[in-house]
Amino acid sequence: MASSYVVLLLFMFIQVNAGQSDQQNLISLDSELSPTKGPISWFSYSGRFAFGFYKQGSGFSVGIWLLIVPEVTIVWTTSRDDAPVSSNAKL
């Protein structure tokens, strides 16, 4: 059941306007996220949310946060009770 929610949330970030020329919003099938190199997050089509890694304690967590507020506001996170992932993790 939880994996269904993750898939639905990811679909929010994969929608791309075909006429848009900004390559930064395109997510290809072979793209990766890493907390230390390359892109650390993907942005929603609306530009209001980001999905990816964020710093937490001595490591990183995966989540969704608002971009339209001055402070980082996490709205969803994976395994919030587990230890943060290491800097060599990839999505």
PDB file of N, CA and C in Angstrom:
ATOM      1  N   MET A   1       0.820  -1.192   0.000  1.00  0.00           N
ATOM      2  CA  MET A   1       0.000   0.000   0.000  1.00  0.00           C
ATOM      3  C   MET A   1       0.865   1.258   0.000  1.00  0.00           C
ATOM      4  N   ALA A   2       1.903   1.265   0.846  1.00  0.00           N
ATOM      5  CA  ALA A   2       2.779   2.439   0.912  1.00  0.00           C
ATOM      6  C   ALA A   2       3.489   2.668  -0.411  1.00  0.00           C
ATOM      7  N   SER A   3       3.855   1.592  -1.102  1.00  0.00           N
ATOM      8  CA  SER A   3       4.537   1.761  -2.390  1.00  0.00           C
ATOM      9  C   SER A   3       3.622   2.398  -3.420  1.00  0.00           C
ATOM     10  N   SER A   4       2.317   2.170  -3.304  1.00  0.00           N
ATOM     11  CA  SER A   4       1.366   2.814  -4.217  1.00  0.00           C
ATOM     12  C   SER A   4       1.388   4.329  -4.046  1.00  0.00           C
ATOM     13  N   TYR A   5       1.501   4.786  -2.799  1.00  0.00           N
ATOM     14  CA  TYR A   5       1.572   6.226  -2.550  1.00  0.00           C
ATOM     15  C   TYR A   5       2.840   6.820  -3.130  1.00  0.00           C
ATOM     16  N   VAL A   6       3.950   6.098  -3.020  1.00  0.00           N
ATOM     17  CA  VAL A   6       5.220   6.582  -3.569  1.00  0.00           C
ATOM     18  C   VAL A   6       5.109   6.725  -5.081  1.00  0.00           C
ATOM     19  N   VAL A   7       4.520   5.731  -5.734  1.00  0.00           N
ATOM     20  CA  VAL A   7       4.356   5.796  -7.188  1.00  0.00           C
ATOM     21  C   VAL A   7       3.485   6.984  -7.571  1.00  0.00           C
ATOM     22  N   LEU A   8       2.395   7.191  -6.857  1.00  0.00           N
ATOM     23  CA  LEU A   8       1.524   8.336  -7.155  1.00  0.00           C
ATOM     24  C   LEU A   8       2.257   9.653  -6.966  1.00  0.00           C
ATOM     25  N   LEU A   9       3.044   9.756  -5.903  1.00  0.00           N
ATOM     26  CA  LEU A   9       3.801  10.979  -5.663  1.00  0.00           C
ATOM     27  C   LEU A   9       4.835  11.209  -6.755  1.00  0.00           C
ATOM     28  N   LEU A  10       5.472  10.148  -7.205  1.00  0.00           N
ATOM     29  CA  LEU A  10       6.468  10.304  -8.270  1.00  0.00           C
ATOM     30  C   LEU A  10       5.837  10.793  -9.566  1.00  0.00           C
ATOM     31  N   PHE A  11       4.606  10.360  -9.856  1.00  0.00           N
ATOM     32  CA  PHE A  11       3.939  10.825 -11.068  1.00  0.00           C
ATOM     33  C   PHE A  11       3.759  12.336 -11.071  1.00  0.00           C
ATOM     34  N   MET A  12       3.646  12.948  -9.891  1.00  0.00           N
ATOM     35  CA  MET A  12       3.540  14.411  -9.820  1.00  0.00           C
ATOM     36  C   MET A  12       4.796  15.060 -10.391  1.00  0.00           C
ATOM     37  N   PHE A  13       5.931  14.401 -10.272  1.00  0.00           N
ATOM     38  CA  PHE A  13       7.201  14.986 -10.643  1.00  0.00           C
ATOM     39  C   PHE A  13       7.637  14.587 -12.044  1.00  0.00           C
ATOM     40  N   ILE A  14       6.984  13.626 -12.652  1.00  0.00           N
ATOM     41  CA  ILE A  14       7.391  13.164 -13.969  1.00  0.00           C
ATOM     42  C   ILE A  14       6.624  13.876 -15.073  1.00  0.00           C
ATOM     43  N   GLN A  15       5.495  14.485 -14.773  1.00  0.00           N
ATOM     44  CA  GLN A  15       4.727  15.197 -15.789  1.00  0.00           C
ATOM     45  C   GLN A  15       5.551  16.349 -16.357  1.00  0.00           C
ATOM     46  N   VAL A  16       5.629  16.397 -17.660  1.00  0.00           N
ATOM     47  CA  VAL A  16       6.417  17.433 -18.320  1.00  0.00           C
ATOM     48  C   VAL A  16       5.614  18.009 -19.479  1.00  0.00           C
ATOM     49  N   ASN A  17       5.665  19.303 -19.615  1.00  0.00           N
ATOM     50  CA  ASN A  17       5.004  19.978 -20.714  1.00  0.00           C
ATOM     51  C   ASN A  17       5.835  19.748 -21.979  1.00  0.00           C
ATOM     52  N   ALA A  18       5.241  19.126 -23.008  1.00  0.00           N
ATOM     53  CA  ALA A  18       5.981  18.783 -24.216  1.00  0.00           C
ATOM     54  C   ALA A  18       6.522  20.009 -24.936  1.00  0.00           C
ATOM     55  N   GLY A  19       5.874  21.143 -24.820  1.00  0.00           N
ATOM     56  CA  GLY A  19       6.331  22.341 -25.498  1.00  0.00           C
ATOM     57  C   GLY A  19       7.356  23.129 -24.709  1.00  0.00           C
ATOM     58  N   GLN A  20       7.679  22.687 -23.543  1.00  0.00           N
ATOM     59  CA  GLN A  20       8.595  23.433 -22.682  1.00  0.00           C
ATOM     60  C   GLN A  20      10.032  23.196 -23.128  1.00  0.00           C
ATOM     61  N   SER A  21      10.819  24.254 -23.235  1.00  0.00           N
ATOM     62  CA  SER A  21      12.195  24.115 -23.699  1.00  0.00           C
ATOM     63  C   SER A  21      13.182  24.004 -22.555  1.00  0.00           C
ATOM     64  N   ASP A  22      12.753  24.186 -21.333  1.00  0.00           N
ATOM     65  CA  ASP A  22      13.643  24.118 -20.179  1.00  0.00           C
ATOM     66  C   ASP A  22      13.980  22.665 -19.873  1.00  0.00           C
ATOM     67  N   GLN A  23      15.191  22.247 -20.212  1.00  0.00           N
ATOM     68  CA  GLN A  23      15.617  20.865 -20.022  1.00  0.00           C
ATOM     69  C   GLN A  23      15.754  20.485 -18.552  1.00  0.00           C
ATOM     70  N   GLN A  24      15.818  21.433 -17.654  1.00  0.00           N
ATOM     71  CA  GLN A  24      15.975  21.141 -16.241  1.00  0.00           C
ATOM     72  C   GLN A  24      14.758  20.386 -15.685  1.00  0.00           C
ATOM     73  N   ASN A  25      13.594  20.559 -16.266  1.00  0.00           N
ATOM     74  CA  ASN A  25      12.389  19.901 -15.787  1.00  0.00           C
ATOM     75  C   ASN A  25      12.182  18.519 -16.385  1.00  0.00           C
ATOM     76  N   LEU A  26      13.007  18.119 -17.332  1.00  0.00           N
ATOM     77  CA  LEU A  26      12.859  16.811 -17.951  1.00  0.00           C
ATOM     78  C   LEU A  26      13.529  15.740 -17.100  1.00  0.00           C
ATOM     79  N   ILE A  27      12.828  14.637 -16.882  1.00  0.00           N
ATOM     80  CA  ILE A  27      13.377  13.511 -16.137  1.00  0.00           C
ATOM     81  C   ILE A  27      13.400  12.330 -17.086  1.00  0.00           C
ATOM     82  N   SER A  28      14.585  11.879 -17.443  1.00  0.00           N
ATOM     83  CA  SER A  28      14.693  10.748 -18.360  1.00  0.00           C
ATOM     84  C   SER A  28      14.630   9.437 -17.584  1.00  0.00           C
ATOM     85  N   LEU A  29      14.360   8.338 -18.293  1.00  0.00           N
ATOM     86  CA  LEU A  29      14.232   7.035 -17.657  1.00  0.00           C
ATOM     87  C   LEU A  29      15.518   6.584 -16.963  1.00  0.00           C
ATOM     88  N   ASP A  30      16.667   7.021 -17.433  1.00  0.00           N
ATOM     89  CA  ASP A  30      17.930   6.574 -16.843  1.00  0.00           C
ATOM     90  C   ASP A  30      18.527   7.594 -15.872  1.00  0.00           C
ATOM     91  N   SER A  31      17.761   8.598 -15.471  1.00  0.00           N
ATOM     92  CA  SER A  31      18.302   9.620 -14.570  1.00  0.00           C
ATOM     93  C   SER A  31      18.381   9.101 -13.134  1.00  0.00           C
ATOM     94  N   GLU A  32      19.302   9.692 -12.364  1.00  0.00           N
ATOM     95  CA  GLU A  32      19.520   9.316 -10.973  1.00  0.00           C
ATOM     96  C   GLU A  32      19.562  10.561 -10.105  1.00  0.00           C
ATOM     97  N   LEU A  33      19.267  10.359  -8.840  1.00  0.00           N
ATOM     98  CA  LEU A  33      19.464  11.405  -7.844  1.00  0.00           C
ATOM     99  C   LEU A  33      20.507  10.906  -6.860  1.00  0.00           C
ATOM    100  N   SER A  34      21.378  11.803  -6.435  1.00  0.00           N
ATOM    101  CA  SER A  34      22.399  11.486  -5.445  1.00  0.00           C
ATOM    102  C   SER A  34      22.497  12.669  -4.483  1.00  0.00           C
ATOM    103  N   PRO A  35      22.700  12.416  -3.179  1.00  0.00           N
ATOM    104  CA  PRO A  35      22.746  13.532  -2.246  1.00  0.00           C
ATOM    105  C   PRO A  35      23.999  14.392  -2.328  1.00  0.00           C
ATOM    106  N   THR A  36      25.055  13.900  -3.005  1.00  0.00           N
ATOM    107  CA  THR A  36      26.305  14.661  -3.025  1.00  0.00           C
ATOM    108  C   THR A  36      26.795  15.044  -4.407  1.00  0.00           C
ATOM    109  N   LYS A  37      26.390  14.352  -5.451  1.00  0.00           N
ATOM    110  CA  LYS A  37      26.833  14.725  -6.796  1.00  0.00           C
ATOM    111  C   LYS A  37      25.693  14.601  -7.787  1.00  0.00           C
ATOM    112  N   GLY A  38      25.699  15.467  -8.742  1.00  0.00           N
ATOM    113  CA  GLY A  38      24.605  15.495  -9.699  1.00  0.00           C
ATOM    114  C   GLY A  38      23.382  16.126  -9.072  1.00  0.00           C
ATOM    115  N   PRO A  39      22.231  15.968  -9.706  1.00  0.00           N
ATOM    116  CA  PRO A  39      21.027  16.563  -9.122  1.00  0.00           C
ATOM    117  C   PRO A  39      20.655  15.861  -7.823  1.00  0.00           C
ATOM    118  N   ILE A  40      20.247  16.634  -6.824  1.00  0.00           N
ATOM    119  CA  ILE A  40      19.803  16.048  -5.560  1.00  0.00           C
ATOM    120  C   ILE A  40      18.282  16.004  -5.479  1.00  0.00           C
ATOM    121  N   SER A  41      17.599  16.664  -6.426  1.00  0.00           N
ATOM    122  CA  SER A  41      16.143  16.661  -6.398  1.00  0.00           C
ATOM    123  C   SER A  41      15.570  16.888  -7.790  1.00  0.00           C
ATOM    124  N   TRP A  42      14.319  16.506  -7.932  1.00  0.00           N
ATOM    125  CA  TRP A  42      13.534  16.797  -9.125  1.00  0.00           C
ATOM    126  C   TRP A  42      12.447  17.769  -8.707  1.00  0.00           C
ATOM    127  N   PHE A  43      12.089  18.687  -9.584  1.00  0.00           N
ATOM    128  CA  PHE A  43      11.072  19.689  -9.293  1.00  0.00           C
ATOM    129  C   PHE A  43       9.762  19.303  -9.953  1.00  0.00           C
ATOM    130  N   SER A  44       8.667  19.612  -9.287  1.00  0.00           N
ATOM    131  CA  SER A  44       7.354  19.346  -9.861  1.00  0.00           C
ATOM    132  C   SER A  44       7.127  20.287 -11.041  1.00  0.00           C
ATOM    133  N   TYR A  45       6.191  19.923 -11.881  1.00  0.00           N
ATOM    134  CA  TYR A  45       5.873  20.739 -13.049  1.00  0.00           C
ATOM    135  C   TYR A  45       5.468  22.154 -12.640  1.00  0.00           C
ATOM    136  N   SER A  46       4.744  22.265 -11.538  1.00  0.00           N
ATOM    137  CA  SER A  46       4.281  23.577 -11.085  1.00  0.00           C
ATOM    138  C   SER A  46       5.400  24.410 -10.465  1.00  0.00           C
ATOM    139  N   GLY A  47       6.493  23.761 -10.066  1.00  0.00           N
ATOM    140  CA  GLY A  47       7.578  24.469  -9.406  1.00  0.00           C
ATOM    141  C   GLY A  47       7.321  24.711  -7.923  1.00  0.00           C
ATOM    142  N   ARG A  48       6.285  24.107  -7.392  1.00  0.00           N
ATOM    143  CA  ARG A  48       5.936  24.309  -5.987  1.00  0.00           C
ATOM    144  C   ARG A  48       6.557  23.273  -5.055  1.00  0.00           C
ATOM    145  N   PHE A  49       6.932  22.112  -5.601  1.00  0.00           N
ATOM    146  CA  PHE A  49       7.458  21.030  -4.782  1.00  0.00           C
ATOM    147  C   PHE A  49       8.762  20.503  -5.365  1.00  0.00           C
ATOM    148  N   ALA A  50       9.540  19.858  -4.509  1.00  0.00           N
ATOM    149  CA  ALA A  50      10.730  19.139  -4.948  1.00  0.00           C
ATOM    150  C   ALA A  50      10.710  17.763  -4.312  1.00  0.00           C
ATOM    151  N   PHE A  51      11.228  16.779  -5.025  1.00  0.00           N
ATOM    152  CA  PHE A  51      11.358  15.413  -4.526  1.00  0.00           C
ATOM    153  C   PHE A  51      12.826  15.047  -4.607  1.00  0.00           C
ATOM    154  N   GLY A  52      13.368  14.519  -3.542  1.00  0.00           N
ATOM    155  CA  GLY A  52      14.760  14.091  -3.574  1.00  0.00           C
ATOM    156  C   GLY A  52      15.363  14.001  -2.194  1.00  0.00           C
ATOM    157  N   PHE A  53      16.679  14.178  -2.143  1.00  0.00           N
ATOM    158  CA  PHE A  53      17.423  14.081  -0.889  1.00  0.00           C
ATOM    159  C   PHE A  53      17.461  15.429  -0.179  1.00  0.00           C
ATOM    160  N   TYR A  54      17.387  15.385   1.133  1.00  0.00           N
ATOM    161  CA  TYR A  54      17.606  16.583   1.938  1.00  0.00           C
ATOM    162  C   TYR A  54      18.441  16.187   3.153  1.00  0.00           C
ATOM    163  N   LYS A  55      19.231  17.118   3.649  1.00  0.00           N
ATOM    164  CA  LYS A  55      20.128  16.878   4.781  1.00  0.00           C
ATOM    165  C   LYS A  55      19.324  16.653   6.047  1.00  0.00           C
ATOM    166  N   GLN A  56      19.673  15.582   6.773  1.00  0.00           N
ATOM    167  CA  GLN A  56      19.038  15.313   8.058  1.00  0.00           C
ATOM    168  C   GLN A  56      20.063  14.645   8.970  1.00  0.00           C
ATOM    169  N   GLY A  57      20.401  15.313  10.045  1.00  0.00           N
ATOM    170  CA  GLY A  57      21.379  14.764  10.988  1.00  0.00           C
ATOM    171  C   GLY A  57      22.719  14.538  10.318  1.00  0.00           C
ATOM    172  N   SER A  58      23.253  13.329  10.480  1.00  0.00           N
ATOM    173  CA  SER A  58      24.564  13.008   9.897  1.00  0.00           C
ATOM    174  C   SER A  58      24.454  12.400   8.509  1.00  0.00           C
ATOM    175  N   GLY A  59      23.273  12.380   7.941  1.00  0.00           N
ATOM    176  CA  GLY A  59      23.089  11.800   6.618  1.00  0.00           C
ATOM    177  C   GLY A  59      22.036  12.550   5.836  1.00  0.00           C
ATOM    178  N   PHE A  60      21.308  11.805   5.031  1.00  0.00           N
ATOM    179  CA  PHE A  60      20.296  12.391   4.163  1.00  0.00           C
ATOM    180  C   PHE A  60      19.016  11.578   4.237  1.00  0.00           C
ATOM    181  N   SER A  61      17.902  12.219   4.013  1.00  0.00           N
ATOM    182  CA  SER A  61      16.609  11.554   3.909  1.00  0.00           C
ATOM    183  C   SER A  61      16.020  11.852   2.541  1.00  0.00           C
ATOM    184  N   VAL A  62      15.024  11.063   2.166  1.00  0.00           N
ATOM    185  CA  VAL A  62      14.326  11.245   0.897  1.00  0.00           C
ATOM    186  C   VAL A  62      12.938  11.754   1.222  1.00  0.00           C
ATOM    187  N   GLY A  63      12.530  12.803   0.527  1.00  0.00           N
ATOM    188  CA  GLY A  63      11.214  13.349   0.805  1.00  0.00           C
ATOM    189  C   GLY A  63      10.738  14.326  -0.239  1.00  0.00           C
ATOM    190  N   ILE A  64       9.619  14.950   0.083  1.00  0.00           N
ATOM    191  CA  ILE A  64       9.023  15.986  -0.757  1.00  0.00           C
ATOM    192  C   ILE A  64       8.897  17.230   0.111  1.00  0.00           C
ATOM    193  N   TRP A  65       9.293  18.374  -0.437  1.00  0.00           N
ATOM    194  CA  TRP A  65       9.207  19.614   0.326  1.00  0.00           C
ATOM    195  C   TRP A  65       8.679  20.742  -0.547  1.00  0.00           C
ATOM    196  N   LEU A  66       8.130  21.749   0.137  1.00  0.00           N
ATOM    197  CA  LEU A  66       7.598  22.930  -0.537  1.00  0.00           C
ATOM    198  C   LEU A  66       8.731  23.857  -0.950  1.00  0.00           C
ATOM    199  N   LEU A  67       8.628  24.440  -2.119  1.00  0.00           N
ATOM    200  CA  LEU A  67       9.610  25.410  -2.605  1.00  0.00           C
ATOM    201  C   LEU A  67       9.096  26.843  -2.531  1.00  0.00           C
ATOM    202  N   ILE A  68       7.824  27.016  -2.243  1.00  0.00           N
ATOM    203  CA  ILE A  68       7.221  28.347  -2.323  1.00  0.00           C
ATOM    204  C   ILE A  68       7.167  29.064  -0.982  1.00  0.00           C
ATOM    205  N   VAL A  69       7.860  28.540   0.010  1.00  0.00           N
ATOM    206  CA  VAL A  69       7.919  29.176   1.331  1.00  0.00           C
ATOM    207  C   VAL A  69       9.382  29.446   1.664  1.00  0.00           C
ATOM    208  N   PRO A  70       9.670  30.459   2.477  1.00  0.00           N
ATOM    209  CA  PRO A  70      11.063  30.809   2.776  1.00  0.00           C
ATOM    210  C   PRO A  70      11.844  29.701   3.488  1.00  0.00           C
ATOM    211  N   GLU A  71      11.198  28.969   4.392  1.00  0.00           N
ATOM    212  CA  GLU A  71      11.874  27.882   5.099  1.00  0.00           C
ATOM    213  C   GLU A  71      11.555  26.554   4.439  1.00  0.00           C
ATOM    214  N   VAL A  72      12.505  25.628   4.467  1.00  0.00           N
ATOM    215  CA  VAL A  72      12.248  24.297   3.927  1.00  0.00           C
ATOM    216  C   VAL A  72      11.146  23.651   4.760  1.00  0.00           C
ATOM    217  N   THR A  73      10.080  23.226   4.094  1.00  0.00           N
ATOM    218  CA  THR A  73       8.952  22.597   4.761  1.00  0.00           C
ATOM    219  C   THR A  73       8.731  21.220   4.165  1.00  0.00           C
ATOM    220  N   ILE A  74       9.155  20.188   4.881  1.00  0.00           N
ATOM    221  CA  ILE A  74       9.001  18.812   4.421  1.00  0.00           C
ATOM    222  C   ILE A  74       7.533  18.429   4.555  1.00  0.00           C
ATOM    223  N   VAL A  75       6.945  17.918   3.459  1.00  0.00           N
ATOM    224  CA  VAL A  75       5.542  17.518   3.496  1.00  0.00           C
ATOM    225  C   VAL A  75       5.386  16.000   3.477  1.00  0.00           C
ATOM    226  N   TRP A  76       6.445  15.270   3.113  1.00  0.00           N
ATOM    227  CA  TRP A  76       6.430  13.811   3.111  1.00  0.00           C
ATOM    228  C   TRP A  76       7.871  13.334   3.159  1.00  0.00           C
ATOM    229  N   THR A  77       8.110  12.264   3.893  1.00  0.00           N
ATOM    230  CA  THR A  77       9.445  11.681   3.947  1.00  0.00           C
ATOM    231  C   THR A  77       9.339  10.169   4.028  1.00  0.00           C
ATOM    232  N   THR A  78      10.346   9.476   3.508  1.00  0.00           N
ATOM    233  CA  THR A  78      10.374   8.022   3.587  1.00  0.00           C
ATOM    234  C   THR A  78      10.961   7.598   4.918  1.00  0.00           C
ATOM    235  N   SER A  79      10.481   6.536   5.457  1.00  0.00           N
ATOM    236  CA  SER A  79      11.060   5.893   6.640  1.00  0.00           C
ATOM    237  C   SER A  79      11.528   6.899   7.682  1.00  0.00           C
ATOM    238  N   ARG A  80      10.653   7.738   8.118  1.00  0.00           N
ATOM    239  CA  ARG A  80      11.043   8.823   9.022  1.00  0.00           C
ATOM    240  C   ARG A  80      11.624   8.347  10.340  1.00  0.00           C
ATOM    241  N   ASP A  81      11.333   7.099  10.737  1.00  0.00           N
ATOM    242  CA  ASP A  81      11.851   6.582  11.990  1.00  0.00           C
ATOM    243  C   ASP A  81      13.178   5.835  11.822  1.00  0.00           C
ATOM    244  N   ASP A  82      13.607   5.636  10.578  1.00  0.00           N
ATOM    245  CA  ASP A  82      14.871   4.951  10.315  1.00  0.00           C
ATOM    246  C   ASP A  82      16.025   5.941  10.283  1.00  0.00           C
ATOM    247  N   ALA A  83      17.231   5.418  10.377  1.00  0.00           N
ATOM    248  CA  ALA A  83      18.433   6.263  10.310  1.00  0.00           C
ATOM    249  C   ALA A  83      18.527   6.894   8.918  1.00  0.00           C
ATOM    250  N   PRO A  84      19.114   8.077   8.824  1.00  0.00           N
ATOM    251  CA  PRO A  84      19.310   8.714   7.508  1.00  0.00           C
ATOM    252  C   PRO A  84      20.187   7.847   6.603  1.00  0.00           C
ATOM    253  N   VAL A  85      20.048   8.021   5.300  1.00  0.00           N
ATOM    254  CA  VAL A  85      20.854   7.268   4.346  1.00  0.00           C
ATOM    255  C   VAL A  85      22.229   7.941   4.194  1.00  0.00           C
ATOM    256  N   SER A  86      23.196   7.183   3.724  1.00  0.00           N
ATOM    257  CA  SER A  86      24.558   7.702   3.584  1.00  0.00           C
ATOM    258  C   SER A  86      24.691   8.586   2.348  1.00  0.00           C
ATOM    259  N   SER A  87      25.825   9.249   2.234  1.00  0.00           N
ATOM    260  CA  SER A  87      26.047  10.178   1.121  1.00  0.00           C
ATOM    261  C   SER A  87      26.256   9.472  -0.217  1.00  0.00           C
ATOM    262  N   ASN A  88      26.447   8.157  -0.229  1.00  0.00           N
ATOM    263  CA  ASN A  88      26.623   7.459  -1.508  1.00  0.00           C
ATOM    264  C   ASN A  88      25.337   6.776  -1.975  1.00  0.00           C
ATOM    265  N   ALA A  89      24.210   7.098  -1.367  1.00  0.00           N
ATOM    266  CA  ALA A  89      22.908   6.545  -1.783  1.00  0.00           C
ATOM    267  C   ALA A  89      22.498   7.126  -3.129  1.00  0.00           C
ATOM    268  N   LYS A  90      21.671   6.382  -3.845  1.00  0.00           N
ATOM    269  CA  LYS A  90      21.161   6.845  -5.135  1.00  0.00           C
ATOM    270  C   LYS A  90      19.707   6.442  -5.281  1.00  0.00           C
ATOM    271  N   LEU A  91      18.970   7.263  -6.002  1.00  0.00           N
ATOM    272  CA  LEU A  91      17.582   6.940  -6.397  1.00  0.00           C
ATOM    273  C   LEU A  91      17.536   6.866  -7.903  1.00  0.00           C
TER     274      LEU A  91
END
